Amino acid sequence: MKKNYLLTIASITLLILTNCNSTKTLSKVEDMTEIQIPLSGKEYMSNENYFRAKQVGESSDLATAKKIATQNAKADLASNIQSLIKRVTDQYTNQRSVGDKKEFENKFEELSREVVNQDLRDIKVIGEKLFKLKNGNYQYHIAVEGSKETILNGISERINKESKLKLDFDKFQFQKIFDDEMKKFENY
């Protein structure tokens, strides 16, 4: 009851302050400048088919700015993929009867890290912007993507080479969980 009373008082106060200052608020809106963030559209965000990452690098040397941005984008991409694989692996081992869960998870995560590192060589640049700053530095923005299918196929191929993992691996079930997790990117 006391909580509702305080909430009502706060709402009324906010309403009064907003109405009294409406002309001042309007003038502030006119003084604003919209800033566009490079490579910020939906086409640069992860979705159910692609992992995507964006980064920026700044340096007095153009090649160094590009290198910084590219390395950081690849690191972000790898981190995003490995986080998703960890979630999928946890769900997968909880839904299935896996012999030694901990051993399976550890081996699987190690294998997936190797696959991600291998597949990062095949990433595609989907956007880039270059700016020359007033201080003379270059600012390079980059967006990269990696295919879900490439990652899944790489994991599947590596598991088929590991006899112990192969026994506990159901590709269809793993892919279903993986696809469900990828679809969650659409909601962000």
Protein backbone atom coordinates (compact mmCIF):
# COMPACT_ATOMS: atom_id res chain seq x y z
CA MET A 1 0.00 0.00 0.00
CA LYS A 2 2.80 2.38 0.98
CA LYS A 3 4.68 1.40 -2.19
CA ASN A 4 1.68 2.29 -4.39
CA TYR A 5 1.33 5.65 -2.60
CA LEU A 6 5.00 6.52 -3.26
CA LEU A 7 4.70 5.40 -6.88
CA THR A 8 1.63 7.61 -7.37
CA ILE A 9 3.38 10.64 -5.82
CA ALA A 10 6.44 10.09 -8.02
CA SER A 11 4.28 9.80 -11.15
CA ILE A 12 2.35 12.98 -10.37
CA THR A 13 5.58 14.89 -9.67
CA LEU A 14 7.09 13.69 -12.93
CA LEU A 15 3.94 14.67 -14.83
CA ILE A 16 3.94 18.18 -13.31
CA LEU A 17 7.64 18.72 -14.01
CA THR A 18 7.31 17.48 -17.57
CA ASN A 19 4.32 19.72 -18.34
CA CYS A 20 5.90 22.82 -16.77
CA ASN A 21 9.08 22.43 -18.77
CA SER A 22 7.60 21.37 -22.09
CA THR A 23 8.86 24.45 -23.95
CA LYS A 24 12.38 24.00 -22.59
CA THR A 25 12.39 20.33 -23.56
CA LEU A 26 11.31 21.25 -27.08
CA SER A 27 14.17 23.70 -27.47
CA LYS A 28 16.64 21.01 -26.35
CA VAL A 29 15.33 18.66 -29.02
CA GLU A 30 15.99 21.29 -31.67
CA ASP A 31 19.56 21.65 -30.42
CA MET A 32 20.31 17.93 -30.73
CA THR A 33 22.37 16.36 -33.47
CA GLU A 34 21.78 12.75 -34.41
CA ILE A 35 24.95 10.71 -34.60
CA GLN A 36 24.99 7.78 -36.95
CA ILE A 37 26.98 4.79 -35.78
CA PRO A 38 28.85 3.15 -38.66
CA LEU A 39 27.77 -0.40 -39.56
CA SER A 40 24.93 -0.41 -37.05
CA GLY A 41 22.02 -1.69 -39.12
CA LYS A 42 20.26 -5.02 -38.75
CA GLU A 43 22.29 -6.44 -41.64
CA TYR A 44 25.37 -6.21 -39.40
CA MET A 45 23.85 -8.18 -36.50
CA SER A 46 23.98 -11.93 -35.93
CA ASN A 47 20.93 -13.84 -37.07
CA GLU A 48 19.87 -17.46 -37.42
CA ASN A 49 22.30 -18.08 -40.31
CA TYR A 50 25.35 -15.96 -39.54
CA PHE A 51 27.49 -14.95 -36.61
CA ARG A 52 28.48 -11.30 -37.00
CA ALA A 53 30.75 -8.88 -35.19
CA LYS A 54 31.74 -5.22 -35.57
CA GLN A 55 34.77 -3.41 -34.30
CA VAL A 56 36.76 -0.24 -34.73
CA GLY A 57 40.48 0.42 -34.78
CA GLU A 58 42.24 3.75 -34.51
CA SER A 59 45.84 4.61 -35.28
CA SER A 60 48.00 7.18 -36.99
CA ASP A 61 48.82 4.40 -39.47
CA LEU A 62 46.00 3.16 -41.70
CA ALA A 63 47.30 -0.44 -41.85
CA THR A 64 47.51 -0.57 -38.07
CA ALA A 65 43.98 0.81 -37.66
CA LYS A 66 42.71 -1.92 -40.02
CA LYS A 67 44.69 -4.60 -38.22
CA ILE A 68 43.36 -3.56 -34.79
CA ALA A 69 39.75 -3.50 -35.98
CA THR A 70 40.05 -6.82 -37.84
CA GLN A 71 41.71 -8.64 -34.95
CA ASN A 72 39.16 -7.30 -32.46
CA ALA A 73 36.25 -8.24 -34.75
CA LYS A 74 37.62 -11.78 -35.12
CA ALA A 75 38.06 -12.05 -31.35
CA ASP A 76 34.45 -10.87 -30.80
CA LEU A 77 33.19 -13.32 -33.39
CA ALA A 78 35.11 -16.21 -31.81
CA SER A 79 33.83 -15.26 -28.36
CA ASN A 80 30.22 -15.12 -29.57
CA ILE A 81 30.51 -18.50 -31.29
CA GLN A 82 32.17 -20.15 -28.31
CA SER A 83 29.54 -18.75 -25.92
CA LEU A 84 26.78 -20.15 -28.10
CA ILE A 85 28.51 -23.53 -28.39
CA LYS A 86 28.92 -23.64 -24.60
CA ARG A 87 25.17 -23.02 -24.13
CA VAL A 88 24.32 -25.62 -26.76
CA THR A 89 26.71 -28.18 -25.25
CA ASP A 90 25.24 -27.64 -21.78
CA GLN A 91 21.70 -28.11 -23.08
CA TYR A 92 22.71 -31.08 -25.20
CA THR A 93 24.39 -32.95 -22.34
CA ASN A 94 21.43 -32.22 -20.05
CA GLN A 95 18.95 -33.60 -22.59
CA ARG A 96 20.88 -36.73 -23.50
CA SER A 97 22.38 -39.66 -21.68
CA VAL A 98 26.03 -38.97 -22.15
CA GLY A 99 28.51 -41.39 -20.55
CA ASP A 100 30.79 -39.01 -18.63
CA LYS A 101 29.15 -35.58 -18.99
CA LYS A 102 32.09 -33.56 -17.74
CA GLU A 103 34.59 -35.35 -19.96
CA PHE A 104 32.27 -35.00 -22.95
CA GLU A 105 31.76 -31.27 -22.29
CA ASN A 106 35.48 -30.58 -21.84
CA LYS A 107 36.49 -32.55 -24.93
CA PHE A 108 33.67 -31.03 -26.96
CA GLU A 109 34.54 -27.47 -25.95
CA GLU A 110 38.21 -28.06 -26.76
CA LEU A 111 37.26 -29.45 -30.15
CA SER A 112 34.87 -26.57 -30.86
CA ARG A 113 37.57 -24.00 -30.00
CA GLU A 114 39.83 -25.65 -32.56
CA VAL A 115 37.04 -25.58 -35.15
CA VAL A 116 36.25 -21.92 -34.44
CA ASN A 117 39.90 -20.93 -34.72
CA GLN A 118 40.18 -22.84 -38.01
CA ASP A 119 36.96 -21.42 -39.43
CA LEU A 120 37.83 -17.81 -38.52
CA ARG A 121 40.19 -17.86 -41.45
CA ASP A 122 37.12 -18.11 -43.67
CA ILE A 123 35.26 -15.09 -42.33
CA LYS A 124 33.84 -12.60 -44.74
CA VAL A 125 34.02 -8.81 -44.47
CA ILE A 126 30.47 -7.49 -44.90
CA GLY A 127 31.11 -3.82 -44.28
CA GLU A 128 33.86 -1.32 -43.68
CA LYS A 129 34.15 2.43 -43.22
CA LEU A 130 37.22 4.59 -42.95
CA PHE A 131 37.46 8.01 -41.34
CA LYS A 132 40.31 10.50 -41.08
CA LEU A 133 40.06 12.24 -37.71
CA LYS A 134 40.95 15.87 -37.00
CA ASN A 135 44.00 14.75 -35.02
CA GLY A 136 45.34 12.98 -38.13
CA ASN A 137 44.53 9.45 -36.97
CA TYR A 138 42.63 6.93 -39.05
CA GLN A 139 39.53 5.26 -37.65
CA TYR A 140 38.58 2.04 -39.39
CA HIS A 141 35.25 0.31 -38.77
CA ILE A 142 34.72 -3.29 -39.89
CA ALA A 143 31.88 -5.81 -39.79
CA VAL A 144 32.56 -9.51 -40.36
CA GLU A 145 30.49 -12.65 -40.52
CA GLY A 146 30.93 -16.39 -40.24
CA SER A 147 28.43 -18.94 -41.47
CA LYS A 148 26.53 -21.12 -39.02
CA GLU A 149 26.75 -24.00 -41.50
CA THR A 150 30.55 -23.76 -41.67
CA ILE A 151 30.79 -24.00 -37.88
CA LEU A 152 28.30 -26.88 -37.63
CA ASN A 153 29.97 -28.83 -40.43
CA GLY A 154 33.39 -28.30 -38.88
CA ILE A 155 32.20 -29.59 -35.51
CA SER A 156 30.49 -32.58 -37.09
CA GLU A 157 33.57 -33.51 -39.13
CA ARG A 158 35.85 -33.28 -36.10
CA ILE A 159 33.50 -35.34 -33.93
CA ASN A 160 33.40 -38.08 -36.56
CA LYS A 161 37.19 -38.34 -36.18
CA GLU A 162 36.93 -38.71 -32.37
CA SER A 163 35.63 -42.20 -31.64
CA LYS A 164 34.81 -41.46 -27.98
CA LEU A 165 32.82 -38.30 -28.81
CA LYS A 166 31.17 -39.94 -31.80
CA LEU A 167 29.48 -42.51 -29.55
CA ASP A 168 27.69 -39.81 -27.54
CA PHE A 169 26.96 -37.43 -30.42
CA ASP A 170 23.57 -37.13 -32.09
CA LYS A 171 24.07 -34.61 -34.89
CA PHE A 172 20.35 -34.05 -35.44
CA GLN A 173 19.70 -33.27 -31.77
CA PHE A 174 22.77 -31.04 -31.50
CA GLN A 175 21.81 -29.11 -34.64
CA LYS A 176 18.25 -28.63 -33.38
CA ILE A 177 19.53 -27.04 -30.16
CA PHE A 178 22.10 -25.03 -32.13
CA ASP A 179 19.41 -23.73 -34.51
CA ASP A 180 17.15 -22.78 -31.60
CA GLU A 181 19.97 -20.77 -30.03
CA MET A 182 20.76 -19.07 -33.36
CA LYS A 183 17.13 -18.01 -33.74
CA LYS A 184 17.42 -16.12 -30.47
CA PHE A 185 19.72 -13.66 -32.26
CA GLU A 186 16.69 -12.48 -34.23
CA ASN A 187 15.12 -11.25 -30.98
CA TYR A 188 18.05 -9.01 -29.99
